[in-house]
C-alpha atoms as a PDB file:
ATOM      1  CA  MET A   1       0.040   0.023  -0.035  1.00  0.00           C
ATOM      2  CA  THR A   2       1.388   3.495  -0.945  1.00  0.00           C
ATOM      3  CA  ALA A   3       0.110   6.875   0.110  1.00  0.00           C
ATOM      4  CA  GLN A   4       1.117  10.134  -1.903  1.00  0.00           C
ATOM      5  CA  ALA A   5       1.496  13.381   0.469  1.00  0.00           C
ATOM      6  CA  GLY A   6      -2.012  14.596   1.015  1.00  0.00           C
ATOM      7  CA  ALA A   7      -3.762  11.646  -0.506  1.00  0.00           C
ATOM      8  CA  ILE A   8      -6.755   9.954   1.148  1.00  0.00           C
ATOM      9  CA  LEU A   9      -5.982   6.766   2.844  1.00  0.00           C
ATOM     10  CA  ASN A  10      -6.910   3.548   1.407  1.00  0.00           C
ATOM     11  CA  THR A  11      -8.571   1.687   4.282  1.00  0.00           C
ATOM     12  CA  SER A  12      -9.190  -1.407   2.399  1.00  0.00           C
ATOM     13  CA  SER A  13      -5.491  -2.193   2.263  1.00  0.00           C
ATOM     14  CA  ALA A  14      -3.809  -4.325   4.974  1.00  0.00           C
ATOM     15  CA  TRP A  15      -1.146  -2.565   7.348  1.00  0.00           C
ATOM     16  CA  ASP A  16       1.396  -5.284   6.521  1.00  0.00           C
ATOM     17  CA  ALA A  17       1.317  -4.318   2.907  1.00  0.00           C
ATOM     18  CA  VAL A  18       2.242  -0.705   3.470  1.00  0.00           C
ATOM     19  CA  ASP A  19       5.230   0.373   1.228  1.00  0.00           C
ATOM     20  CA  TRP A  20       7.255   1.995   3.849  1.00  0.00           C
ATOM     21  CA  ARG A  21       9.877   3.318   1.741  1.00  0.00           C
ATOM     22  CA  THR A  22       7.516   5.337  -0.547  1.00  0.00           C
ATOM     23  CA  ILE A  23       5.874   6.809   2.788  1.00  0.00           C
ATOM     24  CA  GLU A  24       9.140   7.898   4.162  1.00  0.00           C
ATOM     25  CA  ASP A  25      10.061   9.465   0.834  1.00  0.00           C
ATOM     26  CA  ASN A  26       6.814  11.193   0.696  1.00  0.00           C
ATOM     27  CA  VAL A  27       7.142  12.734   4.170  1.00  0.00           C
ATOM     28  CA  ARG A  28      10.905  13.566   3.646  1.00  0.00           C
ATOM     29  CA  ARG A  29       9.990  15.457   0.359  1.00  0.00           C
ATOM     30  CA  LEU A  30       7.542  17.671   2.122  1.00  0.00           C
ATOM     31  CA  GLN A  31       9.896  18.127   5.136  1.00  0.00           C
ATOM     32  CA  ALA A  32      12.657  19.468   2.798  1.00  0.00           C
ATOM     33  CA  ARG A  33      10.130  21.794   1.313  1.00  0.00           C
ATOM     34  CA  ILE A  34       9.229  23.152   4.807  1.00  0.00           C
ATOM     35  CA  VAL A  35      13.092  23.502   5.428  1.00  0.00           C
ATOM     36  CA  LYS A  36      13.511  25.559   2.297  1.00  0.00           C
ATOM     37  CA  ALA A  37      10.425  27.816   3.095  1.00  0.00           C
ATOM     38  CA  VAL A  38      12.075  28.457   6.534  1.00  0.00           C
ATOM     39  CA  GLN A  39      15.441  29.315   5.061  1.00  0.00           C
ATOM     40  CA  GLN A  40      13.644  31.769   2.780  1.00  0.00           C
ATOM     41  CA  LYS A  41      11.341  32.982   5.807  1.00  0.00           C
ATOM     42  CA  LYS A  42       8.217  32.419   3.908  1.00  0.00           C
ATOM     43  CA  TRP A  43       6.305  31.729   7.053  1.00  0.00           C
ATOM     44  CA  ASN A  44       2.890  31.317   5.386  1.00  0.00           C
ATOM     45  CA  ARG A  45       4.348  28.794   3.050  1.00  0.00           C
ATOM     46  CA  VAL A  46       5.756  27.031   5.956  1.00  0.00           C
ATOM     47  CA  LYS A  47       2.189  26.765   7.564  1.00  0.00           C
ATOM     48  CA  ALA A  48       0.783  25.658   4.328  1.00  0.00           C
ATOM     49  CA  LEU A  49       3.264  22.858   4.040  1.00  0.00           C
ATOM     50  CA  GLN A  50       2.720  21.814   7.742  1.00  0.00           C
ATOM     51  CA  HIS A  51      -0.902  21.596   7.262  1.00  0.00           C
ATOM     52  CA  LEU A  52      -0.516  19.502   4.220  1.00  0.00           C
ATOM     53  CA  LEU A  53       1.887  17.028   5.983  1.00  0.00           C
ATOM     54  CA  THR A  54      -0.317  16.713   9.036  1.00  0.00           C
ATOM     55  CA  HIS A  55      -3.243  15.925   6.883  1.00  0.00           C
ATOM     56  CA  SER A  56      -1.520  13.434   4.639  1.00  0.00           C
ATOM     57  CA  ALA A  57      -1.887   9.685   4.527  1.00  0.00           C
ATOM     58  CA  SER A  58       1.983   9.276   4.547  1.00  0.00           C
ATOM     59  CA  GLY A  59       2.533  11.400   7.536  1.00  0.00           C
ATOM     60  CA  LYS A  60      -0.359   9.694   9.537  1.00  0.00           C
ATOM     61  CA  LEU A  61       1.087   6.172   8.583  1.00  0.00           C
ATOM     62  CA  LEU A  62       4.447   7.201   9.777  1.00  0.00           C
ATOM     63  CA  ALA A  63       3.357   8.666  12.976  1.00  0.00           C
ATOM     64  CA  VAL A  64       1.407   5.500  14.101  1.00  0.00           C
ATOM     65  CA  ARG A  65       4.282   3.271  13.046  1.00  0.00           C
ATOM     66  CA  ARG A  66       6.441   5.354  15.524  1.00  0.00           C
ATOM     67  CA  VAL A  67       4.449   4.983  18.566  1.00  0.00           C
ATOM     68  CA  THR A  68       3.671   1.186  17.780  1.00  0.00           C
ATOM     69  CA  VAL A  69       7.339   0.288  17.402  1.00  0.00           C
ATOM     70  CA  ASN A  70       9.048   2.513  20.168  1.00  0.00           C
ATOM     71  CA  ASN A  71       9.834   1.119  23.809  1.00  0.00           C
ATOM     72  CA  GLY A  72       6.608   2.794  25.088  1.00  0.00           C
ATOM     73  CA  ARG A  73       4.314   0.850  22.815  1.00  0.00           C
ATOM     74  CA  LYS A  74       3.317  -1.703  25.700  1.00  0.00           C
ATOM     75  CA  THR A  75       2.659   1.346  28.202  1.00  0.00           C
ATOM     76  CA  PRO A  76      -1.142   2.293  28.029  1.00  0.00           C
ATOM     77  CA  GLY A  77      -2.354   5.741  28.788  1.00  0.00           C
ATOM     78  CA  VAL A  78      -5.481   6.517  31.096  1.00  0.00           C
ATOM     79  CA  ASP A  79      -7.769   4.729  28.535  1.00  0.00           C
ATOM     80  CA  GLY A  80      -5.861   1.341  28.852  1.00  0.00           C
ATOM     81  CA  GLU A  81      -5.705   0.952  25.179  1.00  0.00           C
ATOM     82  CA  LEU A  82      -2.699  -0.546  23.160  1.00  0.00           C
ATOM     83  CA  TRP A  83      -2.305  -0.560  19.305  1.00  0.00           C
ATOM     84  CA  ASP A  84      -1.012  -3.837  19.195  1.00  0.00           C
ATOM     85  CA  SER A  85      -2.619  -5.408  16.129  1.00  0.00           C
ATOM     86  CA  PRO A  86      -2.599  -4.523  12.325  1.00  0.00           C
ATOM     87  CA  HIS A  87      -6.304  -3.723  12.737  1.00  0.00           C
ATOM     88  CA  LYS A  88      -5.995  -1.400  15.556  1.00  0.00           C
ATOM     89  CA  LYS A  89      -2.915   0.412  13.996  1.00  0.00           C
ATOM     90  CA  LEU A  90      -4.864   1.031  10.833  1.00  0.00           C
ATOM     91  CA  GLN A  91      -8.109   2.295  12.860  1.00  0.00           C
ATOM     92  CA  GLY A  92      -5.453   4.492  14.574  1.00  0.00           C
ATOM     93  CA  VAL A  93      -4.409   6.047  11.469  1.00  0.00           C
ATOM     94  CA  ILE A  94      -8.030   6.774  10.603  1.00  0.00           C
ATOM     95  CA  SER A  95      -8.493   8.552  13.914  1.00  0.00           C
ATOM     96  CA  LEU A  96      -5.819  10.968  13.465  1.00  0.00           C
ATOM     97  CA  THR A  97      -7.973  13.909  12.585  1.00  0.00           C
ATOM     98  CA  ALA A  98      -7.878  17.522  13.961  1.00  0.00           C
ATOM     99  CA  ARG A  99     -11.475  18.036  13.627  1.00  0.00           C
ATOM    100  CA  GLY A 100     -13.301  17.420  16.975  1.00  0.00           C
ATOM    101  CA  TYR A 101      -9.949  16.380  18.516  1.00  0.00           C
ATOM    102  CA  ARG A 102      -9.768  16.484  22.224  1.00  0.00           C
ATOM    103  CA  PRO A 103      -6.662  14.865  23.884  1.00  0.00           C
ATOM    104  CA  MET A 104      -7.192  12.862  27.183  1.00  0.00           C
ATOM    105  CA  PRO A 105      -5.386  13.632  30.481  1.00  0.00           C
ATOM    106  CA  LEU A 106      -2.186  12.105  30.850  1.00  0.00           C
ATOM    107  CA  ARG A 107      -1.282   9.165  33.162  1.00  0.00           C
ATOM    108  CA  ARG A 108       1.185  10.361  35.790  1.00  0.00           C
ATOM    109  CA  ILE A 109       3.955   7.882  36.636  1.00  0.00           C
ATOM    110  CA  TYR A 110       7.113   8.279  38.616  1.00  0.00           C
ATOM    111  CA  ILE A 111      10.628   6.883  37.942  1.00  0.00           C
ATOM    112  CA  PRO A 112      13.602   6.970  40.437  1.00  0.00           C
ATOM    113  CA  LYS A 113      16.557   9.600  39.566  1.00  0.00           C
ATOM    114  CA  ALA A 114      20.185   9.014  40.306  1.00  0.00           C
ATOM    115  CA  ASN A 115      19.952  11.262  43.479  1.00  0.00           C
ATOM    116  CA  GLY A 116      17.084   9.128  44.960  1.00  0.00           C
ATOM    117  CA  LYS A 117      14.086  11.605  44.004  1.00  0.00           C
ATOM    118  CA  LEU A 118      11.490  10.698  41.716  1.00  0.00           C
ATOM    119  CA  ARG A 119      10.985  12.136  38.376  1.00  0.00           C
ATOM    120  CA  PRO A 120       7.320  12.541  37.098  1.00  0.00           C
ATOM    121  CA  LEU A 121       6.361  11.320  33.733  1.00  0.00           C
ATOM    122  CA  GLY A 122       3.112  12.057  31.780  1.00  0.00           C
ATOM    123  CA  ILE A 123       2.094   9.094  29.798  1.00  0.00           C
ATOM    124  CA  PRO A 124      -0.492  10.032  26.802  1.00  0.00           C
ATOM    125  CA  THR A 125      -2.931   7.749  25.351  1.00  0.00           C
ATOM    126  CA  MET A 126      -1.866   5.934  21.973  1.00  0.00           C
ATOM    127  CA  ARG A 127      -4.050   8.222  20.091  1.00  0.00           C
ATOM    128  CA  ASP A 128      -2.580  11.384  21.630  1.00  0.00           C
ATOM    129  CA  ARG A 129       0.983  10.067  21.141  1.00  0.00           C
ATOM    130  CA  ALA A 130       0.280   9.489  17.589  1.00  0.00           C
ATOM    131  CA  MET A 131      -1.073  13.050  17.178  1.00  0.00           C
ATOM    132  CA  GLN A 132       2.078  14.369  18.810  1.00  0.00           C
ATOM    133  CA  ALA A 133       4.269  12.421  16.403  1.00  0.00           C
ATOM    134  CA  LEU A 134       2.246  13.488  13.399  1.00  0.00           C
ATOM    135  CA  TYR A 135       2.528  17.108  14.271  1.00  0.00           C
ATOM    136  CA  LEU A 136       6.337  16.512  15.168  1.00  0.00           C
ATOM    137  CA  LEU A 137       6.936  15.571  11.687  1.00  0.00           C
ATOM    138  CA  ALA A 138       5.886  19.013  10.609  1.00  0.00           C
ATOM    139  CA  LEU A 139       7.470  21.101  13.444  1.00  0.00           C
ATOM    140  CA  ASP A 140      11.032  19.119  13.405  1.00  0.00           C
ATOM    141  CA  PRO A 141      12.122  20.608  10.188  1.00  0.00           C
ATOM    142  CA  VAL A 142      11.467  24.028  11.536  1.00  0.00           C
ATOM    143  CA  ALA A 143      13.190  23.344  14.777  1.00  0.00           C
ATOM    144  CA  GLU A 144      16.276  21.927  13.195  1.00  0.00           C
ATOM    145  CA  THR A 145      16.554  24.710  10.730  1.00  0.00           C
ATOM    146  CA  THR A 146      16.305  27.579  13.410  1.00  0.00           C
ATOM    147  CA  ALA A 147      18.218  25.729  16.313  1.00  0.00           C
ATOM    148  CA  ASP A 148      21.308  27.000  17.952  1.00  0.00           C
ATOM    149  CA  GLN A 149      24.580  25.733  16.442  1.00  0.00           C
ATOM    150  CA  ASN A 150      25.809  24.152  19.776  1.00  0.00           C
ATOM    151  CA  SER A 151      22.638  22.430  21.018  1.00  0.00           C
ATOM    152  CA  TYR A 152      23.058  18.697  20.871  1.00  0.00           C
ATOM    153  CA  GLY A 153      20.129  17.192  23.006  1.00  0.00           C
ATOM    154  CA  PHE A 154      17.237  15.642  21.360  1.00  0.00           C
ATOM    155  CA  ARG A 155      18.278  16.423  17.791  1.00  0.00           C
ATOM    156  CA  GLN A 156      18.682  14.067  14.823  1.00  0.00           C
ATOM    157  CA  GLY A 157      22.212  13.058  14.191  1.00  0.00           C
ATOM    158  CA  ARG A 158      23.535  14.653  17.488  1.00  0.00           C
ATOM    159  CA  GLY A 159      24.303  13.017  20.952  1.00  0.00           C
ATOM    160  CA  CYS A 160      26.314  13.443  24.184  1.00  0.00           C
ATOM    161  CA  ALA A 161      29.652  12.482  22.513  1.00  0.00           C
ATOM    162  CA  ASP A 162      29.135  15.642  19.955  1.00  0.00           C
ATOM    163  CA  ALA A 163      28.529  17.967  23.016  1.00  0.00           C
ATOM    164  CA  ILE A 164      31.773  16.483  24.866  1.00  0.00           C
ATOM    165  CA  GLU A 165      33.740  17.003  21.638  1.00  0.00           C
ATOM    166  CA  GLN A 166      32.692  20.717  21.543  1.00  0.00           C
ATOM    167  CA  CYS A 167      33.664  21.117  25.006  1.00  0.00           C
ATOM    168  CA  PHE A 168      37.171  19.800  24.059  1.00  0.00           C
ATOM    169  CA  THR A 169      37.275  22.064  21.104  1.00  0.00           C
ATOM    170  CA  ALA A 170      36.280  25.180  23.306  1.00  0.00           C
ATOM    171  CA  LEU A 171      38.735  24.486  26.043  1.00  0.00           C
ATOM    172  CA  CYS A 172      41.642  22.779  24.866  1.00  0.00           C
ATOM    173  CA  HIS A 173      43.578  26.103  24.550  1.00  0.00           C
ATOM    174  CA  LYS A 174      44.902  28.281  27.368  1.00  0.00           C
ATOM    175  CA  ASN A 175      41.853  30.588  27.500  1.00  0.00           C
ATOM    176  CA  PRO A 176      39.066  30.466  28.197  1.00  0.00           C
ATOM    177  CA  SER A 177      39.705  29.131  31.705  1.00  0.00           C
ATOM    178  CA  TRP A 178      36.297  29.599  33.542  1.00  0.00           C
ATOM    179  CA  VAL A 179      33.190  27.786  33.091  1.00  0.00           C
ATOM    180  CA  LEU A 180      29.528  28.599  33.954  1.00  0.00           C
ATOM    181  CA  GLU A 181      27.863  25.097  34.729  1.00  0.00           C
ATOM    182  CA  GLY A 182      24.173  25.923  34.062  1.00  0.00           C
ATOM    183  CA  ASP A 183      21.227  23.837  35.253  1.00  0.00           C
ATOM    184  CA  ILE A 184      17.576  24.878  34.556  1.00  0.00           C
ATOM    185  CA  LYS A 185      15.159  24.180  37.583  1.00  0.00           C
ATOM    186  CA  GLY A 186      12.432  21.930  36.467  1.00  0.00           C
ATOM    187  CA  CYS A 187      12.700  23.053  32.973  1.00  0.00           C
ATOM    188  CA  PHE A 188      10.002  20.852  31.350  1.00  0.00           C
ATOM    189  CA  ASP A 189       7.632  21.539  34.237  1.00  0.00           C
ATOM    190  CA  ASN A 190       7.966  25.250  34.129  1.00  0.00           C
ATOM    191  CA  ILE A 191       8.067  26.445  30.753  1.00  0.00           C
ATOM    192  CA  SER A 192       5.540  29.154  30.115  1.00  0.00           C
ATOM    193  CA  HIS A 193       2.503  28.089  28.199  1.00  0.00           C
ATOM    194  CA  GLN A 194       1.797  31.591  26.794  1.00  0.00           C
ATOM    195  CA  TRP A 195       5.336  31.801  25.456  1.00  0.00           C
ATOM    196  CA  LEU A 196       4.961  28.366  23.738  1.00  0.00           C
ATOM    197  CA  LEU A 197       1.804  29.388  22.269  1.00  0.00           C
ATOM    198  CA  ASP A 198       3.149  32.694  21.019  1.00  0.00           C
ATOM    199  CA  ASN A 199       6.431  31.293  19.585  1.00  0.00           C
ATOM    200  CA  VAL A 200       6.236  27.652  18.442  1.00  0.00           C
ATOM    201  CA  PRO A 201       5.417  27.374  14.896  1.00  0.00           C
ATOM    202  CA  MET A 202       2.423  24.973  14.640  1.00  0.00           C
ATOM    203  CA  ASN A 203      -1.178  24.621  14.831  1.00  0.00           C
ATOM    204  CA  LYS A 204      -1.860  26.725  17.893  1.00  0.00           C
ATOM    205  CA  ALA A 205      -5.392  25.154  18.638  1.00  0.00           C
ATOM    206  CA  ILE A 206      -3.743  21.602  18.830  1.00  0.00           C
ATOM    207  CA  LEU A 207      -0.779  22.868  21.016  1.00  0.00           C
ATOM    208  CA  HIS A 208      -3.008  24.681  23.423  1.00  0.00           C
ATOM    209  CA  LYS A 209      -5.152  21.329  23.975  1.00  0.00           C
ATOM    210  CA  TRP A 210      -1.889  19.432  24.610  1.00  0.00           C
ATOM    211  CA  LEU A 211      -0.846  21.944  27.027  1.00  0.00           C
ATOM    212  CA  LYS A 212      -4.025  22.063  29.055  1.00  0.00           C
ATOM    213  CA  SER A 213      -4.926  18.463  28.948  1.00  0.00           C
ATOM    214  CA  GLY A 214      -4.027  18.073  32.596  1.00  0.00           C
ATOM    215  CA  TYR A 215      -3.042  14.566  34.083  1.00  0.00           C
ATOM    216  CA  LEU A 216      -4.400  11.779  36.383  1.00  0.00           C
ATOM    217  CA  ASP A 217      -2.572  10.904  39.501  1.00  0.00           C
ATOM    218  CA  LYS A 218      -3.992   8.082  41.626  1.00  0.00           C
ATOM    219  CA  GLN A 219      -7.473   8.788  39.919  1.00  0.00           C
ATOM    220  CA  VAL A 220      -7.285  12.641  40.817  1.00  0.00           C
ATOM    221  CA  PHE A 221      -7.174  15.188  37.997  1.00  0.00           C
ATOM    222  CA  TYR A 222      -4.806  18.030  38.110  1.00  0.00           C
ATOM    223  CA  ASP A 223      -4.767  20.915  35.738  1.00  0.00           C
ATOM    224  CA  THR A 224      -1.552  21.811  33.999  1.00  0.00           C
ATOM    225  CA  ILE A 225      -0.734  25.391  34.313  1.00  0.00           C
ATOM    226  CA  SER A 226       2.818  25.493  32.993  1.00  0.00           C
ATOM    227  CA  GLY A 227       5.372  23.261  31.432  1.00  0.00           C
ATOM    228  CA  THR A 228       5.313  20.401  28.848  1.00  0.00           C
ATOM    229  CA  PRO A 229       5.203  17.071  30.289  1.00  0.00           C
ATOM    230  CA  GLN A 230       8.199  14.498  30.288  1.00  0.00           C
ATOM    231  CA  GLY A 231       6.987  11.773  28.443  1.00  0.00           C
ATOM    232  CA  GLY A 232       5.347  13.276  25.461  1.00  0.00           C
ATOM    233  CA  ILE A 233       6.821  12.620  22.150  1.00  0.00           C
ATOM    234  CA  ILE A 234       6.664  16.312  21.222  1.00  0.00           C
ATOM    235  CA  SER A 235       7.937  17.594  24.640  1.00  0.00           C
ATOM    236  CA  PRO A 236      11.729  17.613  24.055  1.00  0.00           C
ATOM    237  CA  VAL A 237      11.353  19.464  20.707  1.00  0.00           C
ATOM    238  CA  LEU A 238       9.192  22.256  22.485  1.00  0.00           C
ATOM    239  CA  SER A 239      11.878  22.455  25.236  1.00  0.00           C
ATOM    240  CA  ASN A 240      14.543  22.831  22.833  1.00  0.00           C
ATOM    241  CA  ILE A 241      12.464  25.552  20.855  1.00  0.00           C
ATOM    242  CA  ALA A 242      12.128  27.503  24.105  1.00  0.00           C
ATOM    243  CA  LEU A 243      15.944  27.523  24.951  1.00  0.00           C
ATOM    244  CA  ASP A 244      16.978  27.994  21.241  1.00  0.00           C
ATOM    245  CA  GLY A 245      18.298  31.612  20.883  1.00  0.00           C
ATOM    246  CA  LEU A 246      20.335  31.624  23.895  1.00  0.00           C
ATOM    247  CA  GLU A 247      23.441  31.318  21.883  1.00  0.00           C
ATOM    248  CA  ARG A 248      22.327  34.052  19.583  1.00  0.00           C
ATOM    249  CA  ARG A 249      21.920  36.222  22.474  1.00  0.00           C
ATOM    250  CA  LEU A 250      25.334  35.785  23.687  1.00  0.00           C
ATOM    251  CA  ARG A 251      26.517  36.521  20.051  1.00  0.00           C
ATOM    252  CA  GLU A 252      24.850  39.815  20.179  1.00  0.00           C
ATOM    253  CA  VAL A 253      26.907  40.622  23.434  1.00  0.00           C
ATOM    254  CA  PHE A 254      30.095  38.921  22.337  1.00  0.00           C
ATOM    255  CA  PRO A 255      30.068  39.314  18.674  1.00  0.00           C
ATOM    256  CA  VAL A 256      32.870  37.703  16.548  1.00  0.00           C
ATOM    257  CA  ARG A 257      34.187  40.206  14.193  1.00  0.00           C
ATOM    258  CA  GLY A 258      37.466  40.897  12.372  1.00  0.00           C
ATOM    259  CA  LYS A 259      40.859  39.866  13.676  1.00  0.00           C
ATOM    260  CA  GLY A 260      42.731  40.890  16.663  1.00  0.00           C
ATOM    261  CA  SER A 261      41.834  41.211  20.387  1.00  0.00           C
ATOM    262  CA  ASP A 262      37.977  41.619  19.994  1.00  0.00           C
ATOM    263  CA  ARG A 263      37.872  38.336  17.995  1.00  0.00           C
ATOM    264  CA  GLY A 264      39.960  36.520  20.683  1.00  0.00           C
ATOM    265  CA  ARG A 265      37.908  37.827  23.463  1.00  0.00           C
ATOM    266  CA  ALA A 266      34.631  36.899  21.814  1.00  0.00           C
ATOM    267  CA  ALA A 267      35.964  33.393  20.751  1.00  0.00           C
ATOM    268  CA  GLN A 268      36.410  32.745  24.604  1.00  0.00           C
ATOM    269  CA  VAL A 269      32.667  32.864  25.117  1.00  0.00           C
ATOM    270  CA  HIS A 270      30.903  29.494  23.912  1.00  0.00           C
ATOM    271  CA  LEU A 271      27.742  27.906  24.738  1.00  0.00           C
ATOM    272  CA  ILE A 272      27.551  24.134  24.641  1.00  0.00           C
ATOM    273  CA  ARG A 273      24.042  22.863  25.401  1.00  0.00           C
ATOM    274  CA  TYR A 274      22.271  19.506  25.791  1.00  0.00           C
ATOM    275  CA  ALA A 275      18.676  19.604  26.555  1.00  0.00           C
ATOM    276  CA  ASP A 276      18.377  21.752  29.824  1.00  0.00           C
ATOM    277  CA  ASP A 277      22.041  21.313  30.987  1.00  0.00           C
ATOM    278  CA  PHE A 278      24.648  23.727  29.431  1.00  0.00           C
ATOM    279  CA  VAL A 279      28.053  25.218  29.989  1.00  0.00           C
ATOM    280  CA  ILE A 280      29.302  28.619  28.940  1.00  0.00           C
ATOM    281  CA  THR A 281      33.136  29.397  28.740  1.00  0.00           C
ATOM    282  CA  GLY A 282      34.725  32.669  29.653  1.00  0.00           C
ATOM    283  CA  HIS A 283      37.997  34.299  30.079  1.00  0.00           C
ATOM    284  CA  SER A 284      37.300  35.333  33.762  1.00  0.00           C
ATOM    285  CA  GLU A 285      35.115  34.677  36.740  1.00  0.00           C
ATOM    286  CA  GLU A 286      33.892  38.262  36.646  1.00  0.00           C
ATOM    287  CA  LEU A 287      32.853  38.121  33.211  1.00  0.00           C
ATOM    288  CA  LEU A 288      30.658  34.967  33.891  1.00  0.00           C
ATOM    289  CA  ARG A 289      29.205  36.138  37.110  1.00  0.00           C
ATOM    290  CA  MET A 290      28.556  39.785  36.166  1.00  0.00           C
ATOM    291  CA  THR A 291      27.853  39.590  32.479  1.00  0.00           C
ATOM    292  CA  VAL A 292      26.902  36.270  31.306  1.00  0.00           C
ATOM    293  CA  LYS A 293      24.813  34.985  34.190  1.00  0.00           C
ATOM    294  CA  PRO A 294      22.494  37.911  34.151  1.00  0.00           C
ATOM    295  CA  LEU A 295      22.006  37.590  30.404  1.00  0.00           C
ATOM    296  CA  VAL A 296      21.030  34.001  30.778  1.00  0.00           C
ATOM    297  CA  GLU A 297      18.671  34.724  33.718  1.00  0.00           C
ATOM    298  CA  SER A 298      17.034  37.361  31.804  1.00  0.00           C
ATOM    299  CA  PHE A 299      16.685  35.100  28.660  1.00  0.00           C
ATOM    300  CA  LEU A 300      15.214  32.296  30.824  1.00  0.00           C
ATOM    301  CA  THR A 301      12.729  34.653  32.609  1.00  0.00           C
ATOM    302  CA  GLU A 302      10.941  35.445  29.407  1.00  0.00           C
ATOM    303  CA  ARG A 303      10.290  31.830  29.130  1.00  0.00           C
ATOM    304  CA  GLY A 304       9.114  31.328  32.915  1.00  0.00           C
ATOM    305  CA  LEU A 305      12.469  29.499  33.763  1.00  0.00           C
ATOM    306  CA  VAL A 306      15.079  30.002  36.402  1.00  0.00           C
ATOM    307  CA  LEU A 307      18.599  28.691  37.021  1.00  0.00           C
ATOM    308  CA  SER A 308      18.815  26.169  39.835  1.00  0.00           C
ATOM    309  CA  SER A 309      20.962  27.711  42.508  1.00  0.00           C
ATOM    310  CA  GLU A 310      22.358  24.535  43.868  1.00  0.00           C
ATOM    311  CA  LYS A 311      23.496  23.240  40.411  1.00  0.00           C
ATOM    312  CA  THR A 312      24.557  26.470  38.729  1.00  0.00           C
ATOM    313  CA  LEU A 313      28.258  26.970  39.473  1.00  0.00           C
ATOM    314  CA  ILE A 314      31.255  29.026  38.208  1.00  0.00           C
ATOM    315  CA  THR A 315      34.449  26.854  38.076  1.00  0.00           C
ATOM    316  CA  HIS A 316      37.972  27.184  36.859  1.00  0.00           C
ATOM    317  CA  VAL A 317      38.834  24.706  34.260  1.00  0.00           C
ATOM    318  CA  GLU A 318      41.751  23.249  36.364  1.00  0.00           C
ATOM    319  CA  GLU A 319      39.567  22.503  39.188  1.00  0.00           C
ATOM    320  CA  GLY A 320      37.282  20.274  36.691  1.00  0.00           C
ATOM    321  CA  PHE A 321      33.560  20.041  36.135  1.00  0.00           C
ATOM    322  CA  ASP A 322      31.139  17.443  35.462  1.00  0.00           C
ATOM    323  CA  PHE A 323      29.036  17.461  32.335  1.00  0.00           C
ATOM    324  CA  LEU A 324      26.980  14.609  30.699  1.00  0.00           C
ATOM    325  CA  GLY A 325      28.651  11.982  32.787  1.00  0.00           C
ATOM    326  CA  GLN A 326      32.029  13.081  31.985  1.00  0.00           C
ATOM    327  CA  ASN A 327      34.792  15.005  34.240  1.00  0.00           C
ATOM    328  CA  ILE A 328      36.427  17.805  32.141  1.00  0.00           C
ATOM    329  CA  ARG A 329      39.717  19.122  33.593  1.00  0.00           C
ATOM    330  CA  ARG A 330      42.653  20.935  32.307  1.00  0.00           C
ATOM    331  CA  TYR A 331      45.947  20.151  34.160  1.00  0.00           C
ATOM    332  CA  PRO A 332      48.801  22.638  35.174  1.00  0.00           C
ATOM    333  CA  ASN A 333      50.762  21.289  32.182  1.00  0.00           C
ATOM    334  CA  GLY A 334      48.116  22.629  29.892  1.00  0.00           C
ATOM    335  CA  LYS A 335      46.627  19.229  28.968  1.00  0.00           C
ATOM    336  CA  LEU A 336      42.842  18.788  28.925  1.00  0.00           C
ATOM    337  CA  PHE A 337      41.584  15.374  29.984  1.00  0.00           C
ATOM    338  CA  ILE A 338      37.971  14.153  29.721  1.00  0.00           C
ATOM    339  CA  LYS A 339      37.183  11.039  31.642  1.00  0.00           C
ATOM    340  CA  PRO A 340      33.946   9.320  32.811  1.00  0.00           C
ATOM    341  CA  LEU A 341      32.752   9.939  36.125  1.00  0.00           C
ATOM    342  CA  GLY A 342      33.640   7.355  38.789  1.00  0.00           C
ATOM    343  CA  LYS A 343      30.038   6.271  39.286  1.00  0.00           C
ATOM    344  CA  VAL A 344      29.987   5.532  35.442  1.00  0.00           C
ATOM    345  CA  LEU A 345      33.017   3.442  35.666  1.00  0.00           C
ATOM    346  CA  HIS A 346      31.577   1.460  38.596  1.00  0.00           C
ATOM    347  CA  LEU A 347      28.593   0.327  36.452  1.00  0.00           C
ATOM    348  CA  PHE A 348      31.154  -1.337  34.131  1.00  0.00           C
ATOM    349  CA  SER A 349      33.797  -2.620  36.532  1.00  0.00           C
ATOM    350  CA  PRO A 350      33.809  -6.314  37.279  1.00  0.00           C
ATOM    351  CA  LYS A 351      32.243  -7.729  40.572  1.00  0.00           C
END
């Protein structure tokens, strides 16, 4: 079974007969057109192409496949339903319509964190997950095109190793010698809904419904007044969009221009971000404390976020700092070493 972009789904065909290569090609072509429109700043065209993709049979098929093959496919939402048969998957494709769509509350569960605390997760229903995956297909090309250059979390083709490599590139020289270790307090839980509605380039009505869907915790319903739930497929991209722009804001204050001392000073201010964890380099503690940190706080305040006072530190590189499971430290001889943290090594050590 094949489905052209924008075509009506042929419901008489079996799920197992889907030509997935054709489906992926159809979606990829539409995403490439969205990227081109973003680069040309033709936002009305972006909106039209996003509408075409989210209403296409190819997009809907690909969205349902994503939520029925990932690790969460056996975890139901509040309705207890799973799409675990070809018939249910095809019916799920048919159910992905924006007209009359109303998401169900999230199912709240808790998973343990490394520090002993519990991390709340919101589990959407299968239909809501598929709707998020569908609209993510149209949002991702925009987010990737407009993202900060040194953002590495929840992005295609990027990961922790790339962020650590950029740390080495930024710190392997004598200067910069200081690092602002940033951590955002409850990033997913506190992002301003109004900021997301004003700035995320997608269907505002659908986004509003997701943000305000609420959650059930021990059969008690709670409203959601801020944040985007950890556990939703689209949540990582929403958080990335909220944090993108910090690197550009830094470049406005520390521009790279020409040769000489100005260029050298600006080159010492680097942002390396992975999701809501980031480091910013600087040539002095005073620069980071008096200029960079207030700039970051102002940027976050616009989005309803604040820095964690306990985890946000300013450290000399020779003292070393921890980032993404690695310890990064420059020794007095000028050598920069990056080593896995002791607790990570312990996981792989023989008993």
